């Protein structure tokens, strides 16, 4: 299985859907659901005072029961807009005919609806099979296509997937399951884990019939694990790339521009090995968030961190991110007469095994990893500087980079000669 990606990759930070039964806010890194604060049915005072355990027993199962939950009573139409202009389109086929090259599309059944999914791009999941991590969702209403909402997963290790008519949208630390009922989107289940500044985890879980406060920590973690376990039986949605698959590149391949041979070897390894899961991009630029280096044994130099891969296409003077992900763990190198050589890499496991394997790999550095290695601000600062140095080294006319759904980020000044210090 491909390693899970993106604790909070900026290109797809949010699951942008207004959904029923989802009021309340949370400090979640991986996904946010825009929900109506009014989307709660009336309850009696006795209902409001019922215990959390009672709520869990009554609504905590994962099955969706329309007879006890009337979606039309609480649904509120999404406030976001589609990235696709469907004006004048009477069929899904006409929408597809208008799509720009580079986008992707898929026809699937979600709940009781046959839908068209349109993605900002695609990537090769398996040989000849293309997947996507984001999509605008269209349904037929009154005989004509209508935009329903948008979803975005946390990275390419978590492509959009379906099983039993349910849509799964997930990331490193979150998973959400949706269905469609009577032309409305229903969030069946949502689970996520967040970390405080000391690296302590807190689990959250809710269903379409319940709220986060209805579940204690133990139950929430159990439901989190169960939801991730369902991924063993899902099917990756196969998208069709619009305009075919392009192999051309508009910009030079990335090469570490600094003077340190050690980091040249490290960056080359990331591109050669970690980027194998991706295709169809102009340039792959690594972004290692290094939290510690242990040089005590020259035959086993250990570099601990969260090793990110970002893939870009050039659009004018902007590098547009098309895919990417993180591989947290430890890279082992050894010193040789010729310089350095990567001998292995320990990578944190997927899903429910994430915390256990991270603690095993990072050891005493685990808290530092959860605090700094998964800090979005730290990552983005490093990312911008690495891109700026790449642009300067190659004399490119690139001014910014951009994640899907976000504004372009202006590049800082290059600092090639001082970005890293030479190892002893």
Protein backbone atom coordinates (compact mmCIF):
# COMPACT_ATOMS: atom_id res chain seq x y z
CA UNK A 1 0.00 0.00 0.00
CA UNK A 2 1.22 3.48 -0.71
CA UNK A 3 2.20 5.44 2.34
CA UNK A 4 -0.38 7.80 3.66
CA UNK A 5 0.12 11.38 2.77
CA UNK A 6 -0.40 14.91 3.89
CA UNK A 7 -1.33 15.60 7.43
CA UNK A 8 -2.67 18.87 6.09
CA UNK A 9 -1.51 19.42 2.56
CA UNK A 10 -2.34 22.96 1.66
CA UNK A 11 -3.57 22.17 -1.82
CA UNK A 12 -6.49 20.23 -0.38
CA UNK A 13 -6.88 21.46 3.14
CA UNK A 14 -10.67 21.33 3.28
CA UNK A 15 -13.50 19.02 2.48
CA UNK A 16 -15.71 21.75 1.10
CA UNK A 17 -19.25 20.56 1.58
CA UNK A 18 -22.20 21.93 3.46
CA UNK A 19 -23.73 18.87 4.99
CA UNK A 20 -26.65 17.94 7.21
CA UNK A 21 -26.27 17.34 10.91
CA UNK A 22 -22.78 18.81 11.08
CA UNK A 23 -22.99 21.89 13.26
CA UNK A 24 -20.21 22.69 15.69
CA UNK A 25 -16.57 23.62 15.12
CA UNK A 26 -13.32 21.78 15.70
CA UNK A 27 -9.60 22.48 15.53
CA UNK A 28 -8.94 19.92 12.83
CA UNK A 29 -5.79 20.03 10.70
CA UNK A 30 -6.70 17.62 7.95
CA UNK A 31 -10.21 18.56 6.96
CA UNK A 32 -12.97 20.99 7.78
CA UNK A 33 -16.63 20.61 6.92
CA UNK A 34 -18.56 23.79 6.31
CA UNK A 35 -21.88 23.14 7.94
CA UNK A 36 -24.99 25.06 8.79
CA UNK A 37 -25.12 26.18 12.40
CA UNK A 38 -28.86 25.74 12.09
CA UNK A 39 -28.78 22.22 10.76
CA UNK A 40 -30.12 20.51 13.86
CA UNK A 41 -33.65 19.25 14.34
CA UNK A 42 -35.66 20.40 17.34
CA UNK A 43 -35.15 18.38 20.49
CA UNK A 44 -36.95 18.40 23.79
CA UNK A 45 -35.19 19.47 26.96
CA UNK A 46 -35.14 15.86 27.98
CA UNK A 47 -33.39 14.93 24.73
CA UNK A 48 -30.81 17.69 25.19
CA UNK A 49 -30.01 16.45 28.67
CA UNK A 50 -29.61 12.83 27.66
CA UNK A 51 -26.24 11.34 28.49
CA UNK A 52 -23.41 11.01 26.00
CA UNK A 53 -23.51 7.27 26.44
CA UNK A 54 -27.19 7.15 25.52
CA UNK A 55 -26.51 9.23 22.41
CA UNK A 56 -23.72 6.92 21.43
CA UNK A 57 -25.85 3.82 21.88
CA UNK A 58 -28.73 5.27 19.86
CA UNK A 59 -26.86 6.87 16.97
CA UNK A 60 -23.32 5.57 17.06
CA UNK A 61 -23.72 2.86 14.49
CA UNK A 62 -22.45 3.55 11.00
CA UNK A 63 -25.63 2.57 9.15
CA UNK A 64 -27.74 5.33 7.64
CA UNK A 65 -31.44 5.07 8.37
CA UNK A 66 -33.55 7.59 6.41
CA UNK A 67 -36.63 6.66 8.43
CA UNK A 68 -35.08 8.16 11.57
CA UNK A 69 -33.22 11.00 9.87
CA UNK A 70 -34.98 13.22 7.35
CA UNK A 71 -32.23 14.81 5.32
CA UNK A 72 -34.55 17.34 3.70
CA UNK A 73 -35.32 18.85 7.11
CA UNK A 74 -31.75 19.90 7.79
CA UNK A 75 -29.98 20.10 4.44
CA UNK A 76 -28.69 23.49 3.37
CA UNK A 77 -27.33 24.03 -0.12
CA UNK A 78 -23.56 24.46 -0.45
CA UNK A 79 -22.25 28.03 -0.51
CA UNK A 80 -19.17 27.29 -2.60
CA UNK A 81 -19.10 27.41 -6.38
CA UNK A 82 -18.02 24.82 -8.88
CA UNK A 83 -14.74 25.26 -10.71
CA UNK A 84 -16.53 24.12 -13.87
CA UNK A 85 -18.88 26.32 -15.89
CA UNK A 86 -21.88 24.14 -16.72
CA UNK A 87 -24.03 26.88 -18.22
CA UNK A 88 -25.77 25.61 -21.34
CA UNK A 89 -25.08 21.97 -20.46
CA UNK A 90 -28.06 19.63 -20.55
CA UNK A 91 -26.10 16.40 -20.00
CA UNK A 92 -22.99 15.14 -18.24
CA UNK A 93 -21.46 14.50 -21.65
CA UNK A 94 -21.75 18.17 -22.52
CA UNK A 95 -19.97 19.07 -19.27
CA UNK A 96 -17.13 16.69 -20.10
CA UNK A 97 -16.86 18.19 -23.58
CA UNK A 98 -16.18 21.61 -22.00
CA UNK A 99 -13.43 20.44 -19.65
CA UNK A 100 -9.90 21.76 -20.08
CA UNK A 101 -7.04 19.41 -20.81
CA UNK A 102 -5.46 18.14 -17.61
CA UNK A 103 -8.71 17.74 -15.69
CA UNK A 104 -10.29 14.37 -15.02
CA UNK A 105 -13.80 12.96 -14.82
CA UNK A 106 -15.57 9.84 -13.59
CA UNK A 107 -19.11 8.50 -13.54
CA UNK A 108 -20.04 6.68 -10.33
CA UNK A 109 -23.06 5.88 -8.20
CA UNK A 110 -23.19 7.42 -4.73
CA UNK A 111 -26.21 6.57 -2.64
CA UNK A 112 -29.29 6.83 -4.83
CA UNK A 113 -27.68 9.04 -7.47
CA UNK A 114 -25.60 8.56 -10.58
CA UNK A 115 -23.06 11.38 -10.41
CA UNK A 116 -20.36 13.01 -12.49
CA UNK A 117 -17.11 13.77 -10.67
CA UNK A 118 -14.78 16.38 -12.18
CA UNK A 119 -11.27 16.64 -10.75
CA UNK A 120 -8.62 19.34 -11.10
CA UNK A 121 -6.19 16.67 -12.30
CA UNK A 122 -5.36 12.97 -12.20
CA UNK A 123 -2.41 10.78 -11.29
CA UNK A 124 -1.51 7.19 -12.04
CA UNK A 125 -2.59 5.06 -9.07
CA UNK A 126 -1.69 1.79 -10.73
CA UNK A 127 -0.40 1.14 -14.21
CA UNK A 128 -3.01 2.51 -16.58
CA UNK A 129 -5.40 3.43 -13.74
CA UNK A 130 -5.81 7.13 -12.97
CA UNK A 131 -7.19 8.46 -9.70
CA UNK A 132 -7.94 11.87 -8.19
CA UNK A 133 -7.98 13.45 -4.76
CA UNK A 134 -10.52 16.20 -5.41
CA UNK A 135 -13.76 16.51 -7.30
CA UNK A 136 -16.73 18.72 -8.03
CA UNK A 137 -19.86 16.58 -7.76
CA UNK A 138 -22.73 16.92 -10.24
CA UNK A 139 -26.12 15.21 -10.17
CA UNK A 140 -29.22 15.35 -12.33
CA UNK A 141 -32.03 17.42 -10.86
CA UNK A 142 -35.24 18.08 -12.75
CA UNK A 143 -33.61 16.47 -15.76
CA UNK A 144 -30.58 18.78 -15.89
CA UNK A 145 -27.08 18.68 -14.38
CA UNK A 146 -26.67 20.51 -11.09
CA UNK A 147 -23.59 21.14 -8.95
CA UNK A 148 -23.93 19.48 -5.54
CA UNK A 149 -20.63 20.16 -3.77
CA UNK A 150 -16.88 19.58 -3.74
CA UNK A 151 -14.63 17.19 -1.85
CA UNK A 152 -10.89 17.01 -1.44
CA UNK A 153 -8.79 14.30 0.18
CA UNK A 154 -5.55 14.73 2.05
CA UNK A 155 -3.14 13.44 -0.57
CA UNK A 156 -2.43 10.91 -3.27
CA UNK A 157 -2.24 7.99 -0.84
CA UNK A 158 -5.93 8.61 -0.25
CA UNK A 159 -7.62 8.81 -3.65
CA UNK A 160 -11.37 9.23 -3.79
CA UNK A 161 -12.91 5.81 -3.21
CA UNK A 162 -16.32 4.16 -3.12
CA UNK A 163 -17.89 1.10 -1.54
CA UNK A 164 -21.54 0.08 -1.25
CA UNK A 165 -22.65 3.43 -2.64
CA UNK A 166 -20.61 5.43 -0.12
CA UNK A 167 -17.89 7.96 -0.96
CA UNK A 168 -14.73 7.92 1.18
CA UNK A 169 -12.64 11.09 1.52
CA UNK A 170 -9.62 10.88 3.81
CA UNK A 171 -6.14 11.93 4.75
CA UNK A 172 -3.38 11.25 7.18
CA UNK A 173 -5.49 11.94 10.26
CA UNK A 174 -9.10 12.11 9.07
CA UNK A 175 -11.72 10.10 7.25
CA UNK A 176 -15.22 11.07 6.15
CA UNK A 177 -17.88 8.90 4.54
CA UNK A 178 -20.71 10.34 2.45
CA UNK A 179 -23.82 9.20 0.64
CA UNK A 180 -26.38 10.99 -1.51
CA UNK A 181 -30.06 10.78 -0.61
CA UNK A 182 -32.87 12.54 -2.45
CA UNK A 183 -30.46 14.93 -4.21
CA UNK A 184 -28.77 15.85 -0.93
CA UNK A 185 -25.31 15.07 0.39
CA UNK A 186 -25.21 13.25 3.73
CA UNK A 187 -22.12 12.95 5.89
CA UNK A 188 -22.58 9.47 7.31
CA UNK A 189 -19.49 9.43 9.51
CA UNK A 190 -16.55 11.69 10.26
CA UNK A 191 -13.51 10.86 12.38
CA UNK A 192 -10.24 12.64 12.94
CA UNK A 193 -7.37 12.98 15.38
CA UNK A 194 -5.69 16.21 16.44
CA UNK A 195 -2.48 16.84 18.36
CA UNK A 196 -1.64 19.51 20.89
CA UNK A 197 1.72 21.26 21.12
CA UNK A 198 3.05 18.45 23.33
CA UNK A 199 2.11 15.77 20.82
CA UNK A 200 -0.86 14.41 22.80
CA UNK A 201 -3.60 13.04 20.56
CA UNK A 202 -7.34 13.58 20.86
CA UNK A 203 -9.83 11.61 18.78
CA UNK A 204 -13.18 12.86 17.48
CA UNK A 205 -16.06 11.05 15.85
CA UNK A 206 -19.63 11.78 14.82
CA UNK A 207 -22.36 10.54 12.50
CA UNK A 208 -25.16 12.24 10.62
CA UNK A 209 -27.32 11.67 13.70
CA UNK A 210 -24.84 12.70 16.38
CA UNK A 211 -22.19 15.24 17.33
CA UNK A 212 -18.56 15.06 18.45
CA UNK A 213 -19.48 15.62 22.10
CA UNK A 214 -21.60 12.46 22.08
CA UNK A 215 -18.53 10.21 22.12
CA UNK A 216 -15.92 9.73 24.78
CA UNK A 217 -12.24 9.46 23.84
CA UNK A 218 -12.12 5.66 23.85
CA UNK A 219 -15.21 5.28 21.68
CA UNK A 220 -14.07 7.99 19.27
CA UNK A 221 -10.71 6.30 18.79
CA UNK A 222 -12.39 2.94 18.24
CA UNK A 223 -14.70 4.41 15.60
CA UNK A 224 -11.72 6.19 14.01
CA UNK A 225 -9.91 2.86 13.68
CA UNK A 226 -13.00 1.12 12.34
CA UNK A 227 -13.56 3.78 9.69
CA UNK A 228 -9.97 3.49 8.47
CA UNK A 229 -10.31 -0.31 8.46
CA UNK A 230 -13.15 0.00 5.95
CA UNK A 231 -10.57 1.16 3.39
CA UNK A 232 -9.54 -2.47 2.99
CA UNK A 233 -12.76 -3.06 1.06
CA UNK A 234 -13.16 0.09 -1.01
CA UNK A 235 -12.57 0.66 -4.71
CA UNK A 236 -10.49 3.52 -6.06
CA UNK A 237 -12.57 5.65 -8.43
CA UNK A 238 -11.03 5.51 -11.89
CA UNK A 239 -10.87 8.92 -13.55
CA UNK A 240 -10.40 9.62 -17.25
CA UNK A 241 -7.71 12.26 -17.93
CA UNK A 242 -9.01 14.96 -20.25
CA UNK A 243 -6.72 15.46 -23.22
CA UNK A 244 -4.82 12.27 -22.52
CA UNK A 245 -1.63 11.81 -20.52
CA UNK A 246 1.17 14.25 -21.20
CA UNK A 247 4.82 13.35 -20.75
CA UNK A 248 6.31 16.70 -21.71
CA UNK A 249 8.01 18.96 -19.21
CA UNK A 250 8.19 22.74 -19.33
CA UNK A 251 10.79 23.14 -16.59
CA UNK A 252 14.05 21.39 -15.70
CA UNK A 253 14.12 18.50 -13.26
CA UNK A 254 14.89 19.42 -9.67
CA UNK A 255 18.47 19.13 -8.47
CA UNK A 256 19.55 20.23 -5.01
CA UNK A 257 21.31 23.57 -5.68
CA UNK A 258 23.31 23.88 -2.46
CA UNK A 259 26.98 23.01 -1.91
CA UNK A 260 26.36 20.15 0.54
CA UNK A 261 26.84 16.70 -1.00
CA UNK A 262 24.98 15.12 1.91
CA UNK A 263 21.74 16.90 1.05
CA UNK A 264 22.23 16.31 -2.66
CA UNK A 265 22.15 12.58 -1.95
CA UNK A 266 19.17 12.96 0.40
CA UNK A 267 17.11 14.98 -2.08
CA UNK A 268 17.98 12.68 -4.98
CA UNK A 269 16.80 9.71 -2.95
CA UNK A 270 13.48 11.40 -2.19
CA UNK A 271 12.85 12.15 -5.85
CA UNK A 272 13.99 8.74 -7.12
CA UNK A 273 12.22 6.62 -4.51
CA UNK A 274 9.36 8.59 -2.99
CA UNK A 275 8.04 10.05 -6.23
CA UNK A 276 7.43 6.64 -7.79
CA UNK A 277 3.78 6.84 -6.74
CA UNK A 278 3.18 9.87 -8.96
CA UNK A 279 3.07 10.73 -12.64
CA UNK A 280 1.97 13.46 -15.04
CA UNK A 281 3.70 16.53 -13.66
CA UNK A 282 6.28 18.99 -14.92
CA UNK A 283 8.59 18.88 -11.92
CA UNK A 284 8.83 17.08 -8.58
CA UNK A 285 10.29 19.20 -5.77
CA UNK A 286 11.01 17.52 -2.41
CA UNK A 287 10.43 19.26 0.90
CA UNK A 288 12.11 17.49 3.82
CA UNK A 289 11.07 18.81 7.22
CA UNK A 290 14.07 17.58 9.17
CA UNK A 291 13.69 17.44 12.94
CA UNK A 292 16.95 15.73 13.92
CA UNK A 293 20.17 14.27 12.52
CA UNK A 294 22.28 11.67 14.30
CA UNK A 295 25.83 11.45 12.92
CA UNK A 296 27.31 9.43 15.79
CA UNK A 297 27.71 6.37 13.55
CA UNK A 298 29.16 7.20 10.13
CA UNK A 299 27.91 3.84 8.85
CA UNK A 300 24.37 4.68 9.90
CA UNK A 301 23.68 8.40 9.82
CA UNK A 302 20.04 8.90 10.78
CA UNK A 303 17.91 11.75 9.46
CA UNK A 304 14.53 12.02 11.17
CA UNK A 305 11.74 14.07 9.71
CA UNK A 306 8.63 14.37 7.63
CA UNK A 307 9.73 13.94 4.03
CA UNK A 308 7.30 15.63 1.67
CA UNK A 309 6.99 15.33 -2.09
CA UNK A 310 5.20 18.03 -4.12
CA UNK A 311 4.53 17.82 -7.85
CA UNK A 312 3.89 20.87 -10.00
CA UNK A 313 2.81 21.96 -13.45
CA UNK A 314 3.95 25.33 -14.76
CA UNK A 315 1.16 27.76 -15.65
CA UNK A 316 2.59 31.09 -16.74
CA UNK A 317 4.88 32.17 -13.91
CA UNK A 318 3.12 30.02 -11.29
CA UNK A 319 3.95 26.46 -10.23
CA UNK A 320 0.59 24.81 -9.66
CA UNK A 321 0.67 21.85 -7.28
CA UNK A 322 -1.05 18.81 -8.76
CA UNK A 323 -0.26 16.16 -6.16
CA UNK A 324 1.96 15.41 -3.22
CA UNK A 325 2.33 13.67 0.07
CA UNK A 326 4.40 13.07 3.15
CA UNK A 327 6.55 10.13 4.17
CA UNK A 328 7.37 10.64 7.85
CA UNK A 329 10.18 8.50 9.16
CA UNK A 330 13.94 8.07 9.26
CA UNK A 331 16.36 7.95 6.33
CA UNK A 332 19.58 6.00 6.98
CA UNK A 333 22.77 6.99 5.16
CA UNK A 334 26.39 5.97 5.41
CA UNK A 335 29.60 7.81 4.71
CA UNK A 336 31.66 6.37 1.85
CA UNK A 337 34.91 7.25 0.12
CA UNK A 338 32.85 8.85 -2.64
CA UNK A 339 30.58 10.78 -0.27
CA UNK A 340 27.28 9.44 1.06
CA UNK A 341 24.86 6.66 0.23
CA UNK A 342 21.29 6.05 1.37
CA UNK A 343 21.03 2.53 2.74
CA UNK A 344 17.38 2.39 3.86
CA UNK A 345 14.35 4.32 5.04
CA UNK A 346 11.90 3.58 7.83
CA UNK A 347 8.47 4.99 6.99
CA UNK A 348 5.57 5.44 9.39
CA UNK A 349 2.72 3.01 8.72
CA UNK A 350 -0.72 3.86 7.40
CA UNK A 351 -4.06 4.35 9.14
CA UNK A 352 -4.56 2.90 12.59
CA UNK A 353 -0.90 1.86 12.84
CA UNK A 354 0.33 5.43 12.39
CA UNK A 355 0.90 6.41 16.02
CA UNK A 356 2.40 3.09 17.09
CA UNK A 357 4.86 2.97 14.20
CA UNK A 358 5.73 6.66 14.57
CA UNK A 359 6.59 6.16 18.23
CA UNK A 360 8.72 3.15 17.32
CA UNK A 361 10.65 5.00 14.60
CA UNK A 362 11.04 8.37 16.30
CA UNK A 363 11.45 7.16 19.88
CA UNK A 364 12.30 10.11 22.12
CA UNK A 365 11.79 12.39 19.12
CA UNK A 366 8.11 11.48 18.78
CA UNK A 367 6.85 14.62 20.51
CA UNK A 368 9.14 16.76 18.39
CA UNK A 369 7.81 15.03 15.29
CA UNK A 370 4.16 15.68 16.15
CA UNK A 371 4.94 19.29 17.10
CA UNK A 372 7.35 20.39 14.35
CA UNK A 373 7.36 17.60 11.80
CA UNK A 374 3.63 18.01 11.21
CA UNK A 375 3.49 21.78 11.64
CA UNK A 376 1.98 23.26 8.48
CA UNK A 377 3.61 26.66 8.99
CA UNK A 378 7.05 25.10 9.37
CA UNK A 379 6.53 23.01 6.28
CA UNK A 380 5.30 25.88 4.12
CA UNK A 381 8.23 28.09 5.07
CA UNK A 382 10.68 25.36 4.06
CA UNK A 383 8.70 24.55 0.95
CA UNK A 384 8.68 28.14 -0.31
CA UNK A 385 12.42 28.51 0.25
CA UNK A 386 13.26 25.29 -1.56
CA UNK A 387 11.20 26.39 -4.56
CA UNK A 388 12.80 29.85 -4.53
CA UNK A 389 16.26 28.30 -4.55
CA UNK A 390 15.29 25.97 -7.40
CA UNK A 391 14.00 28.92 -9.43
CA UNK A 392 17.14 30.96 -8.80
CA UNK A 393 19.50 28.09 -9.62
CA UNK A 394 17.82 27.52 -12.98
CA UNK A 395 17.16 31.15 -13.88
CA UNK A 396 13.42 30.56 -14.22
CA UNK A 397 10.73 33.20 -14.52
CA UNK A 398 8.59 31.79 -11.71
CA UNK A 399 7.19 34.11 -9.06
CA UNK A 400 4.94 31.89 -6.93
CA UNK A 401 3.46 28.47 -6.28
CA UNK A 402 -0.18 27.63 -5.79
CA UNK A 403 -2.19 24.85 -4.19
CA UNK A 404 -5.57 23.90 -5.54
CA UNK A 405 -8.28 26.18 -4.15
CA UNK A 406 -5.80 28.61 -2.59
CA UNK A 407 -4.19 31.89 -3.61
CA UNK A 408 -0.68 31.85 -5.09
CA UNK A 409 2.17 32.15 -2.56
CA UNK A 410 4.93 34.58 -3.53
CA UNK A 411 8.43 33.13 -3.39
CA UNK A 412 11.00 34.54 -0.95
CA UNK A 413 14.52 35.55 -1.93
CA UNK A 414 16.91 32.70 -2.61
CA UNK A 415 19.39 31.65 0.08
CA UNK A 416 21.11 28.74 -1.63
CA UNK A 417 24.43 29.09 0.15
CA UNK A 418 22.98 29.28 3.66
CA UNK A 419 19.87 27.10 3.53
CA UNK A 420 21.66 24.18 5.21
CA UNK A 421 24.97 23.95 7.00
CA UNK A 422 27.65 21.43 6.07
CA UNK A 423 27.71 18.30 8.21
CA UNK A 424 30.83 17.57 10.18
